[in-house]
């Protein structure tokens, strides 16, 4: 049974042990960085572990009602970080995590889920496209912005 669980003192080491494949390390920051960001941004960060039969297989962190490009009137929510452990990739855990974030955002009243990603070799862009995300034409730093309608 696959579940989404908050990161707690009891499962912190499991969260920190999640590692993406070496060829993906330049595309996503480590879980420890995400947890540090969640600590300093508790008002917008929603970090969770994907657990399958008691084993932590992935980490996902959403951002909720965050001001876009420092515009306090343009609040957005979406997937901030997704790390599927290298030993557990290709089994649907990433899909589960993103859809769980979408469910959470929908329950909070969001109409859309945003994500950013690097383009190029190894990019998660095809993964997000298969889930229905579409490029907005915007960038955030050196990353593309995509969105999925939730309603």
Protein backbone atom coordinates (compact mmCIF):
# COMPACT_ATOMS: atom_id res chain seq x y z
CA UNK A 1 0.00 0.00 0.00
CA UNK A 2 1.40 3.38 -1.05
CA UNK A 3 0.88 6.30 1.33
CA UNK A 4 1.93 9.92 1.61
CA UNK A 5 3.28 10.77 5.06
CA UNK A 6 4.56 13.91 6.77
CA UNK A 7 8.28 14.02 7.50
CA UNK A 8 8.71 13.43 11.23
CA UNK A 9 11.59 12.75 13.62
CA UNK A 10 10.74 9.04 13.29
CA UNK A 11 11.22 8.96 9.49
CA UNK A 12 13.73 11.77 8.99
CA UNK A 13 16.64 9.38 8.33
CA UNK A 14 14.53 7.57 5.73
CA UNK A 15 13.83 10.89 4.02
CA UNK A 16 17.50 11.88 4.03
CA UNK A 17 18.49 8.50 2.54
CA UNK A 18 16.49 9.13 -0.67
CA UNK A 19 18.88 9.63 -3.59
CA UNK A 20 18.07 10.14 -7.25
CA UNK A 21 20.17 8.48 -9.95
CA UNK A 22 23.61 10.07 -10.42
CA UNK A 23 22.67 11.38 -13.87
CA UNK A 24 19.69 13.21 -12.31
CA UNK A 25 21.56 14.96 -9.51
CA UNK A 26 22.05 18.12 -11.56
CA UNK A 27 18.29 18.36 -12.14
CA UNK A 28 16.97 18.29 -8.57
CA UNK A 29 18.29 19.33 -5.19
CA UNK A 30 18.84 16.80 -2.43
CA UNK A 31 16.13 16.08 0.14
CA UNK A 32 18.23 17.71 2.86
CA UNK A 33 18.07 21.00 0.96
CA UNK A 34 14.31 20.69 0.57
CA UNK A 35 13.87 20.07 4.28
CA UNK A 36 15.99 23.13 5.07
CA UNK A 37 13.82 25.19 2.71
CA UNK A 38 10.69 23.80 4.39
CA UNK A 39 12.10 24.81 7.76
CA UNK A 40 12.66 28.43 6.70
CA UNK A 41 9.42 28.63 4.66
CA UNK A 42 6.91 26.80 6.88
CA UNK A 43 4.09 29.03 5.64
CA UNK A 44 4.32 27.70 2.06
CA UNK A 45 6.18 24.36 2.19
CA UNK A 46 4.39 21.00 2.35
CA UNK A 47 7.04 18.20 2.49
CA UNK A 48 5.95 14.55 2.34
CA UNK A 49 7.39 11.07 1.98
CA UNK A 50 6.00 8.47 -0.39
CA UNK A 51 6.01 5.20 1.52
CA UNK A 52 5.31 1.78 0.03
CA UNK A 53 4.74 -1.03 2.52
CA UNK A 54 6.82 0.75 5.15
CA UNK A 55 9.67 1.72 2.80
CA UNK A 56 10.33 5.39 1.94
CA UNK A 57 10.63 5.42 -1.86
CA UNK A 58 10.29 9.11 -2.74
CA UNK A 59 10.09 12.64 -1.39
CA UNK A 60 7.79 15.35 -2.68
CA UNK A 61 7.40 18.92 -1.50
CA UNK A 62 4.64 21.25 -2.57
CA UNK A 63 4.50 25.01 -2.31
CA UNK A 64 1.17 26.49 -1.32
CA UNK A 65 -0.02 30.02 -2.06
CA UNK A 66 3.42 31.40 -2.84
CA UNK A 67 3.78 34.81 -4.47
CA UNK A 68 4.99 34.48 -8.07
CA UNK A 69 7.93 36.65 -9.05
CA UNK A 70 7.42 38.67 -5.84
CA UNK A 71 3.93 39.71 -6.96
CA UNK A 72 1.79 39.36 -3.81
CA UNK A 73 -1.40 39.32 -5.91
CA UNK A 74 -0.33 36.30 -8.03
CA UNK A 75 -0.40 33.38 -5.58
CA UNK A 76 0.50 29.97 -6.98
CA UNK A 77 0.74 26.43 -5.66
CA UNK A 78 2.43 23.36 -7.07
CA UNK A 79 5.21 20.79 -6.96
CA UNK A 80 8.35 22.36 -5.56
CA UNK A 81 10.53 19.26 -5.42
CA UNK A 82 10.23 15.60 -6.43
CA UNK A 83 12.93 13.04 -5.63
CA UNK A 84 12.24 9.39 -6.45
CA UNK A 85 14.93 7.15 -5.01
CA UNK A 86 17.14 5.63 -7.70
CA UNK A 87 16.29 2.08 -6.55
CA UNK A 88 12.56 2.73 -6.88
CA UNK A 89 12.22 4.65 -10.16
CA UNK A 90 9.92 3.53 -12.94
CA UNK A 91 7.28 2.07 -10.61
CA UNK A 92 4.74 4.91 -10.56
CA UNK A 93 5.88 6.58 -7.34
CA UNK A 94 6.53 9.93 -9.01
CA UNK A 95 3.08 9.86 -10.60
CA UNK A 96 1.54 8.97 -7.23
CA UNK A 97 3.38 11.85 -5.54
CA UNK A 98 2.38 14.48 -8.10
CA UNK A 99 -1.25 13.36 -8.14
CA UNK A 100 -1.29 13.40 -4.32
CA UNK A 101 -0.01 16.99 -4.37
CA UNK A 102 -2.74 17.85 -6.89
CA UNK A 103 -5.36 16.28 -4.61
CA UNK A 104 -4.06 18.29 -1.64
CA UNK A 105 -4.04 21.54 -3.62
CA UNK A 106 -7.53 20.88 -4.97
CA UNK A 107 -8.76 20.27 -1.38
CA UNK A 108 -7.24 23.63 -0.40
CA UNK A 109 -9.16 25.35 -3.20
CA UNK A 110 -6.41 25.71 -5.80
CA UNK A 111 -7.42 25.76 -9.45
CA UNK A 112 -3.98 24.90 -10.81
CA UNK A 113 -0.78 23.05 -9.98
CA UNK A 114 2.49 24.58 -11.19
CA UNK A 115 5.87 22.92 -11.62
CA UNK A 116 9.28 24.02 -12.87
CA UNK A 117 11.92 21.86 -14.50
CA UNK A 118 15.16 22.05 -16.39
CA UNK A 119 14.97 21.21 -20.09
CA UNK A 120 17.45 19.08 -21.94
CA UNK A 121 18.78 15.57 -21.59
CA UNK A 122 17.27 13.73 -18.66
CA UNK A 123 14.68 16.45 -18.08
CA UNK A 124 11.47 15.43 -16.31
CA UNK A 125 9.52 17.46 -18.90
CA UNK A 126 8.12 14.34 -20.68
CA UNK A 127 6.97 12.91 -17.32
CA UNK A 128 5.06 16.08 -16.49
CA UNK A 129 3.62 16.31 -20.00
CA UNK A 130 2.25 12.76 -19.67
CA UNK A 131 0.48 13.90 -16.50
CA UNK A 132 -1.14 16.77 -18.43
CA UNK A 133 1.12 19.68 -17.51
CA UNK A 134 1.54 22.29 -20.24
CA UNK A 135 4.30 24.89 -20.58
CA UNK A 136 3.18 28.42 -19.73
CA UNK A 137 5.91 30.16 -21.71
CA UNK A 138 7.31 31.54 -18.45
CA UNK A 139 10.62 30.75 -16.84
CA UNK A 140 11.73 30.77 -13.23
CA UNK A 141 15.46 31.31 -13.20
CA UNK A 142 16.76 28.79 -15.74
CA UNK A 143 13.74 26.49 -15.44
CA UNK A 144 10.60 26.18 -17.55
CA UNK A 145 7.23 26.68 -15.87
CA UNK A 146 4.34 24.31 -16.59
CA UNK A 147 0.81 24.14 -15.22
CA UNK A 148 -1.96 21.59 -14.80
CA UNK A 149 -5.58 22.71 -14.40
CA UNK A 150 -7.16 21.14 -11.32
CA UNK A 151 -10.79 22.01 -12.02
